[in-house]
Amino acid sequence: MEKNEEKIYVFGHKNPDTDSICSSLVEASFAKKNGCNAEAVRLGNVNKETKYVLDYLGIEEPRLLEEVEEGQSVILVDHNEFTQSVKGIENAKIEAVIDHHRIADIKTSTPLYYTAKPYGCTSTILYEENKNKIEIGKIEATLMASAIISDTLLLKSPTTTKYDEKALEELAKIAEINVEEYGLEMLKAGTNLDDFSVEELINLDAKKMEINGKTIVIAQVNTVSIEDSLKRKEQLEKAMEDEINNSKLDLFVLAITDILNSNSQLIALGKEREVVEKGFNKKIENNMIFAEGVVSRKKQILPAIDKNI
């Protein structure tokens, strides 16, 4: 980004995860070092895992942004789909996008900087693009390392690349953290779901998207005990049905992911749920499919649905 005195908001997707928040903070910090008037903001509540990171660093969460005015300069990190972005994004001035997801419906009226790489984490891209240009501080390094740990589940997710591994190794040295110890504590902090309502649970990390004219939501929660999470299964299903009706969804999939054993229990509701059966070659029973070895929404769940919908 070139020097820009105009205010630029930097944000990740709605229902932000650790990568969205950490990458927003880091990109805003890098932009400021390049002379831009940038501010990291968030498009939803900070989850417990991310709060662990911010508390560890002693920094405040970004302020909530609910809407942008026409012509407002913005930088999108960790997303590019307008359905996952802020209200008014269609009329904002998108200065840049840094992302590691599929490219979907983005449309701009002016040229922009666009960086998309098939890495496990947006922060890996930020580190790779800036490590030889900007002096990276301990806080920035910890934020990026935390994002990589989160998105790759301590490098165990199939989304993990050699670039994520190298970046995490180098960032951990700058951050002065033990990756295994810090990472496990961080991930565990995000698995305590007891004090969330079922409505909050299905929206903690939910992504809405349009595929072949169908509107779907894939939500994901991490846990160390799928069995405990399923104690509220009927309530979760009722909340999902309400969301399907209120938002006119064709499919709602909730992935309850065991971060220790790398499996997911999928709850699938909606008139298009047979695509989940086709995608995983399993019969839905009691609204569920057990997906062994499945932990990644981006690389495992979404492609299975996308090719069959």
Protein backbone atom coordinates (compact mmCIF):
# COMPACT_ATOMS: atom_id res chain seq x y z
CA MET A 1 0.00 0.00 0.00
CA GLU A 2 1.23 3.47 -0.89
CA LYS A 3 1.04 6.34 1.60
CA ASN A 4 -2.57 7.38 2.10
CA GLU A 5 -3.86 9.99 4.56
CA GLU A 6 -7.49 8.96 4.06
CA LYS A 7 -8.90 6.70 6.76
CA ILE A 8 -8.72 3.01 5.78
CA TYR A 9 -10.60 0.32 7.67
CA VAL A 10 -9.00 -3.12 7.77
CA PHE A 11 -11.22 -6.09 8.61
CA GLY A 12 -11.82 -9.79 8.18
CA HIS A 13 -15.10 -11.62 7.69
CA LYS A 14 -18.28 -11.62 9.76
CA ASN A 15 -18.23 -13.94 12.79
CA PRO A 16 -14.47 -13.40 12.92
CA ASP A 17 -12.04 -16.13 13.83
CA THR A 18 -8.50 -15.68 15.11
CA ASP A 19 -7.01 -15.25 11.64
CA SER A 20 -9.52 -12.53 10.75
CA ILE A 21 -8.82 -10.51 13.90
CA CYS A 22 -5.06 -11.06 14.04
CA SER A 23 -4.54 -10.43 10.33
CA SER A 24 -6.58 -7.23 10.55
CA LEU A 25 -4.43 -5.96 13.41
CA VAL A 26 -1.21 -6.90 11.64
CA GLU A 27 -2.17 -5.48 8.24
CA ALA A 28 -3.29 -2.22 9.89
CA SER A 29 0.05 -2.06 11.72
CA PHE A 30 2.00 -2.68 8.52
CA ALA A 31 -0.10 -0.09 6.66
CA LYS A 32 0.64 2.50 9.35
CA LYS A 33 4.36 1.83 8.99
CA ASN A 34 3.94 2.60 5.29
CA GLY A 35 2.31 5.94 6.07
CA CYS A 36 -1.36 4.97 5.79
CA ASN A 37 -4.07 6.06 8.20
CA ALA A 38 -5.32 2.54 8.88
CA GLU A 39 -7.53 1.15 11.63
CA ALA A 40 -8.25 -2.51 12.32
CA VAL A 41 -11.93 -3.15 13.03
CA ARG A 42 -14.07 -6.26 13.52
CA LEU A 43 -17.37 -7.42 12.03
CA GLY A 44 -18.57 -9.44 15.00
CA ASN A 45 -17.79 -10.66 18.50
CA VAL A 46 -14.33 -11.93 19.37
CA ASN A 47 -14.31 -15.63 20.24
CA LYS A 48 -12.60 -17.12 23.31
CA GLU A 49 -9.60 -18.36 21.38
CA THR A 50 -8.92 -14.91 19.97
CA LYS A 51 -9.53 -13.33 23.38
CA TYR A 52 -6.83 -15.61 24.78
CA VAL A 53 -4.38 -14.16 22.25
CA LEU A 54 -5.33 -10.55 22.92
CA ASP A 55 -5.20 -11.06 26.70
CA TYR A 56 -1.81 -12.76 26.37
CA LEU A 57 -0.53 -9.67 24.55
CA GLY A 58 -2.42 -7.20 26.72
CA ILE A 59 -4.06 -5.45 23.78
CA GLU A 60 -7.66 -4.42 23.21
CA GLU A 61 -9.93 -5.98 20.63
CA PRO A 62 -10.68 -3.85 17.55
CA ARG A 63 -13.88 -1.82 17.68
CA LEU A 64 -17.04 -3.14 16.03
CA LEU A 65 -17.89 -1.86 12.54
CA GLU A 66 -21.48 -2.46 11.48
CA GLU A 67 -21.62 -0.55 8.18
CA VAL A 68 -19.40 1.44 5.80
CA GLU A 69 -20.41 4.57 3.92
CA GLU A 70 -20.21 4.87 0.16
CA GLY A 71 -16.64 5.53 -0.99
CA GLN A 72 -15.06 4.48 2.33
CA SER A 73 -11.58 3.03 1.79
CA VAL A 74 -11.21 -0.52 3.11
CA ILE A 75 -8.79 -3.43 3.06
CA LEU A 76 -10.26 -6.93 3.22
CA VAL A 77 -8.29 -9.70 4.89
CA ASP A 78 -9.22 -13.38 5.18
CA HIS A 79 -12.25 -13.04 2.88
CA ASN A 80 -13.40 -11.66 -0.45
CA GLU A 81 -17.06 -12.66 -0.65
CA PHE A 82 -19.49 -9.79 -0.13
CA THR A 83 -21.92 -12.09 1.74
CA GLN A 84 -19.23 -12.48 4.42
CA SER A 85 -18.33 -8.80 4.59
CA VAL A 86 -19.63 -5.58 6.13
CA LYS A 87 -22.93 -3.92 5.23
CA GLY A 88 -22.33 -1.43 2.42
CA ILE A 89 -19.24 -3.20 1.06
CA GLU A 90 -20.63 -3.06 -2.50
CA ASN A 91 -20.20 0.73 -2.52
CA ALA A 92 -16.95 0.95 -0.57
CA LYS A 93 -13.58 1.64 -2.15
CA ILE A 94 -11.66 -1.61 -1.80
CA GLU A 95 -7.98 -0.72 -1.71
CA ALA A 96 -6.66 -4.25 -1.24
CA VAL A 97 -7.58 -7.86 -0.55
CA ILE A 98 -5.30 -10.36 1.20
CA ASP A 99 -6.90 -13.79 1.33
CA HIS A 100 -6.40 -17.56 1.21
CA HIS A 101 -9.91 -18.64 0.20
CA ARG A 102 -11.64 -19.25 -3.11
CA ILE A 103 -12.30 -16.11 -5.16
CA ALA A 104 -16.05 -15.67 -5.50
CA ASP A 105 -18.20 -12.64 -6.21
CA ILE A 106 -15.90 -9.68 -5.62
CA LYS A 107 -16.46 -6.79 -8.01
CA THR A 108 -14.82 -3.36 -7.85
CA SER A 109 -15.12 -0.12 -9.80
CA THR A 110 -11.41 0.73 -9.48
CA PRO A 111 -8.17 -1.29 -9.62
CA LEU A 112 -6.84 -2.70 -6.37
CA TYR A 113 -4.02 -4.70 -4.83
CA TYR A 114 -5.13 -8.33 -4.70
CA THR A 115 -3.09 -11.08 -3.07
CA ALA A 116 -4.53 -14.58 -2.92
CA LYS A 117 -2.48 -17.67 -2.17
CA PRO A 118 -3.60 -21.22 -1.33
CA TYR A 119 -1.95 -21.20 2.08
CA GLY A 120 -3.34 -22.39 5.37
CA CYS A 121 -3.65 -18.90 6.81
CA THR A 122 -3.89 -15.26 5.75
CA SER A 123 -1.20 -14.31 8.26
CA THR A 124 1.25 -16.55 6.45
CA ILE A 125 0.73 -14.41 3.36
CA LEU A 126 1.17 -11.21 5.38
CA TYR A 127 4.41 -12.48 6.86
CA GLU A 128 5.79 -13.72 3.57
CA GLU A 129 4.94 -10.47 1.78
CA ASN A 130 6.41 -8.17 4.44
CA LYS A 131 9.23 -9.96 6.26
CA ASN A 132 11.91 -8.43 4.03
CA LYS A 133 10.26 -5.00 3.87
CA ILE A 134 9.22 -4.16 7.42
CA GLU A 135 10.73 -4.80 10.83
CA ILE A 136 8.33 -7.20 12.50
CA GLY A 137 7.81 -6.69 16.22
CA LYS A 138 7.06 -9.22 18.94
CA ILE A 139 3.35 -8.35 19.10
CA GLU A 140 2.93 -8.60 15.33
CA ALA A 141 4.81 -11.90 15.32
CA THR A 142 2.65 -13.34 18.11
CA LEU A 143 -0.53 -12.28 16.33
CA MET A 144 0.55 -13.93 13.08
CA ALA A 145 1.82 -17.07 14.82
CA SER A 146 -1.49 -17.35 16.70
CA ALA A 147 -3.45 -17.03 13.47
CA ILE A 148 -1.41 -19.78 11.82
CA ILE A 149 -1.81 -22.07 14.84
CA SER A 150 -5.57 -21.47 14.77
CA ASP A 151 -6.19 -21.95 11.06
CA THR A 152 -3.93 -25.00 10.74
CA LEU A 153 -4.79 -26.55 14.11
CA LEU A 154 -1.14 -26.56 15.14
CA LEU A 155 -0.08 -27.55 11.61
CA LYS A 156 -2.28 -30.68 11.68
CA SER A 157 -4.95 -29.47 9.25
CA PRO A 158 -4.79 -30.62 5.60
CA THR A 159 -4.78 -26.92 4.67
CA THR A 160 -1.26 -26.62 6.10
CA THR A 161 1.48 -25.83 3.59
CA LYS A 162 5.25 -25.68 3.81
CA TYR A 163 4.89 -21.90 3.82
CA ASP A 164 2.77 -22.02 6.99
CA GLU A 165 5.31 -24.31 8.65
CA LYS A 166 8.23 -22.06 7.78
CA ALA A 167 6.40 -18.88 8.75
CA LEU A 168 5.33 -20.29 12.13
CA GLU A 169 8.86 -21.46 12.89
CA GLU A 170 10.30 -18.03 12.15
CA LEU A 171 7.52 -16.09 13.86
CA ALA A 172 7.77 -18.19 17.03
CA LYS A 173 11.40 -17.11 17.40
CA ILE A 174 10.48 -13.43 17.10
CA ALA A 175 7.49 -13.87 19.41
CA GLU A 176 9.55 -15.94 21.87
CA ILE A 177 6.87 -18.59 22.30
CA ASN A 178 6.92 -22.36 22.51
CA VAL A 179 4.57 -23.29 19.67
CA GLU A 180 3.29 -26.56 21.16
CA GLU A 181 2.70 -25.21 24.68
CA TYR A 182 1.28 -21.84 23.69
CA GLY A 183 -0.67 -23.26 20.77
CA LEU A 184 -2.40 -26.01 22.75
CA GLU A 185 -3.43 -23.59 25.49
CA MET A 186 -4.76 -21.17 22.88
CA LEU A 187 -6.76 -23.84 21.05
CA LYS A 188 -8.17 -25.24 24.29
CA ALA A 189 -9.29 -21.75 25.32
CA GLY A 190 -11.59 -21.72 22.32
CA THR A 191 -13.25 -25.06 23.10
CA ASN A 192 -15.14 -24.07 26.25
CA LEU A 193 -18.61 -23.67 24.80
CA ASP A 194 -20.75 -24.09 27.93
CA ASP A 195 -21.66 -20.45 28.45
CA PHE A 196 -22.72 -19.83 24.83
CA SER A 197 -26.36 -19.97 23.80
CA VAL A 198 -27.17 -22.28 20.89
CA GLU A 199 -27.82 -19.20 18.74
CA GLU A 200 -24.33 -17.95 19.55
CA LEU A 201 -22.79 -21.36 18.91
CA ILE A 202 -24.12 -21.68 15.37
CA ASN A 203 -22.85 -18.18 14.58
CA LEU A 204 -19.45 -18.29 16.31
CA ASP A 205 -17.66 -19.19 13.09
CA ALA A 206 -20.30 -19.33 10.36
CA LYS A 207 -19.72 -18.51 6.71
CA LYS A 208 -22.55 -17.77 4.32
CA MET A 209 -22.01 -18.29 0.60
CA GLU A 210 -23.78 -18.60 -2.72
CA ILE A 211 -23.04 -21.69 -4.82
CA ASN A 212 -24.84 -22.32 -8.11
CA GLY A 213 -27.77 -20.22 -7.03
CA LYS A 214 -28.07 -21.92 -3.64
CA THR A 215 -27.55 -20.10 -0.35
CA ILE A 216 -25.66 -22.13 2.21
CA VAL A 217 -24.05 -21.66 5.60
CA ILE A 218 -21.21 -23.78 6.92
CA ALA A 219 -20.55 -23.17 10.60
CA GLN A 220 -17.82 -24.73 12.70
CA VAL A 221 -17.06 -25.05 16.40
CA ASN A 222 -13.97 -26.63 17.90
CA THR A 223 -14.17 -28.93 20.89
CA VAL A 224 -12.24 -31.56 22.81
CA SER A 225 -15.42 -33.63 23.26
CA ILE A 226 -17.97 -34.03 20.46
CA GLU A 227 -20.16 -36.01 22.85
CA ASP A 228 -20.42 -33.09 25.28
CA SER A 229 -21.28 -30.69 22.45
CA LEU A 230 -24.08 -32.97 21.27
CA LYS A 231 -25.86 -32.77 24.62
CA ARG A 232 -27.65 -29.72 23.17
CA LYS A 233 -28.23 -31.29 19.76
CA GLU A 234 -31.99 -30.71 19.68
CA GLN A 235 -31.56 -27.07 20.67
CA LEU A 236 -28.82 -26.63 18.06
CA GLU A 237 -31.08 -28.10 15.37
CA LYS A 238 -33.93 -25.77 16.37
CA ALA A 239 -31.60 -22.75 16.13
CA MET A 240 -30.36 -23.97 12.73
CA GLU A 241 -33.94 -24.44 11.47
CA ASP A 242 -34.80 -20.92 12.61
CA GLU A 243 -31.80 -19.55 10.74
CA ILE A 244 -32.76 -21.52 7.61
CA ASN A 245 -36.26 -20.04 7.70
CA ASN A 246 -35.23 -16.49 8.61
CA SER A 247 -32.40 -16.26 6.06
CA LYS A 248 -34.03 -18.44 3.38
CA LEU A 249 -31.13 -20.89 3.35
CA ASP A 250 -30.99 -24.01 1.19
CA LEU A 251 -28.50 -25.74 3.46
CA PHE A 252 -27.03 -25.26 6.93
CA VAL A 253 -24.13 -27.46 8.00
CA LEU A 254 -22.67 -27.30 11.51
CA ALA A 255 -19.30 -29.00 11.91
CA ILE A 256 -18.42 -29.94 15.47
CA THR A 257 -14.69 -30.56 15.21
CA ASP A 258 -12.60 -32.55 17.69
CA ILE A 259 -9.23 -30.75 17.63
CA LEU A 260 -7.45 -33.53 19.51
CA ASN A 261 -8.51 -36.49 17.36
CA SER A 262 -9.04 -34.61 14.06
CA ASN A 263 -12.61 -35.69 13.34
CA SER A 264 -15.88 -33.82 12.83
CA GLN A 265 -19.53 -34.56 13.49
CA LEU A 266 -21.62 -32.81 10.85
CA ILE A 267 -25.19 -31.75 11.49
CA ALA A 268 -26.90 -31.03 8.16
CA LEU A 269 -30.31 -29.41 7.73
CA GLY A 270 -32.13 -27.86 4.79
CA LYS A 271 -33.69 -28.94 1.50
CA GLU A 272 -30.28 -29.46 -0.14
CA ARG A 273 -28.79 -31.63 2.58
CA GLU A 274 -28.51 -34.65 0.27
CA VAL A 275 -25.42 -32.97 -1.23
CA VAL A 276 -23.69 -33.63 2.09
CA GLU A 277 -24.48 -37.33 1.73
CA LYS A 278 -23.07 -37.33 -1.80
CA GLY A 279 -20.02 -35.32 -0.78
CA PHE A 280 -19.03 -37.67 2.02
CA ASN A 281 -20.54 -40.84 0.52
CA LYS A 282 -22.42 -41.51 3.74
CA LYS A 283 -26.07 -41.66 4.73
CA ILE A 284 -27.36 -38.92 7.02
CA GLU A 285 -28.71 -40.51 10.17
CA ASN A 286 -30.50 -38.47 12.83
CA ASN A 287 -29.44 -35.36 10.84
CA MET A 288 -25.76 -36.26 11.28
CA ILE A 289 -22.75 -37.61 9.44
CA PHE A 290 -19.52 -38.52 11.21
CA ALA A 291 -16.62 -37.31 9.09
CA GLU A 292 -13.46 -39.09 10.12
CA GLY A 293 -10.27 -37.11 9.54
CA VAL A 294 -12.23 -34.01 8.51
CA VAL A 295 -11.21 -30.77 10.22
CA SER A 296 -11.06 -28.16 7.46
CA ARG A 297 -14.10 -26.28 6.19
CA LYS A 298 -12.11 -24.74 3.34
CA LYS A 299 -10.32 -27.82 2.01
CA GLN A 300 -12.59 -30.70 3.03
CA ILE A 301 -16.17 -29.68 3.84
CA LEU A 302 -16.76 -26.92 1.28
CA PRO A 303 -15.28 -28.83 -1.71
CA ALA A 304 -17.39 -31.89 -0.87
CA ILE A 305 -20.51 -29.75 -0.96
CA ASP A 306 -19.45 -27.51 -3.85
CA LYS A 307 -18.96 -30.36 -6.32
CA ASN A 308 -22.40 -31.83 -5.60
CA ILE A 309 -24.69 -28.84 -5.18
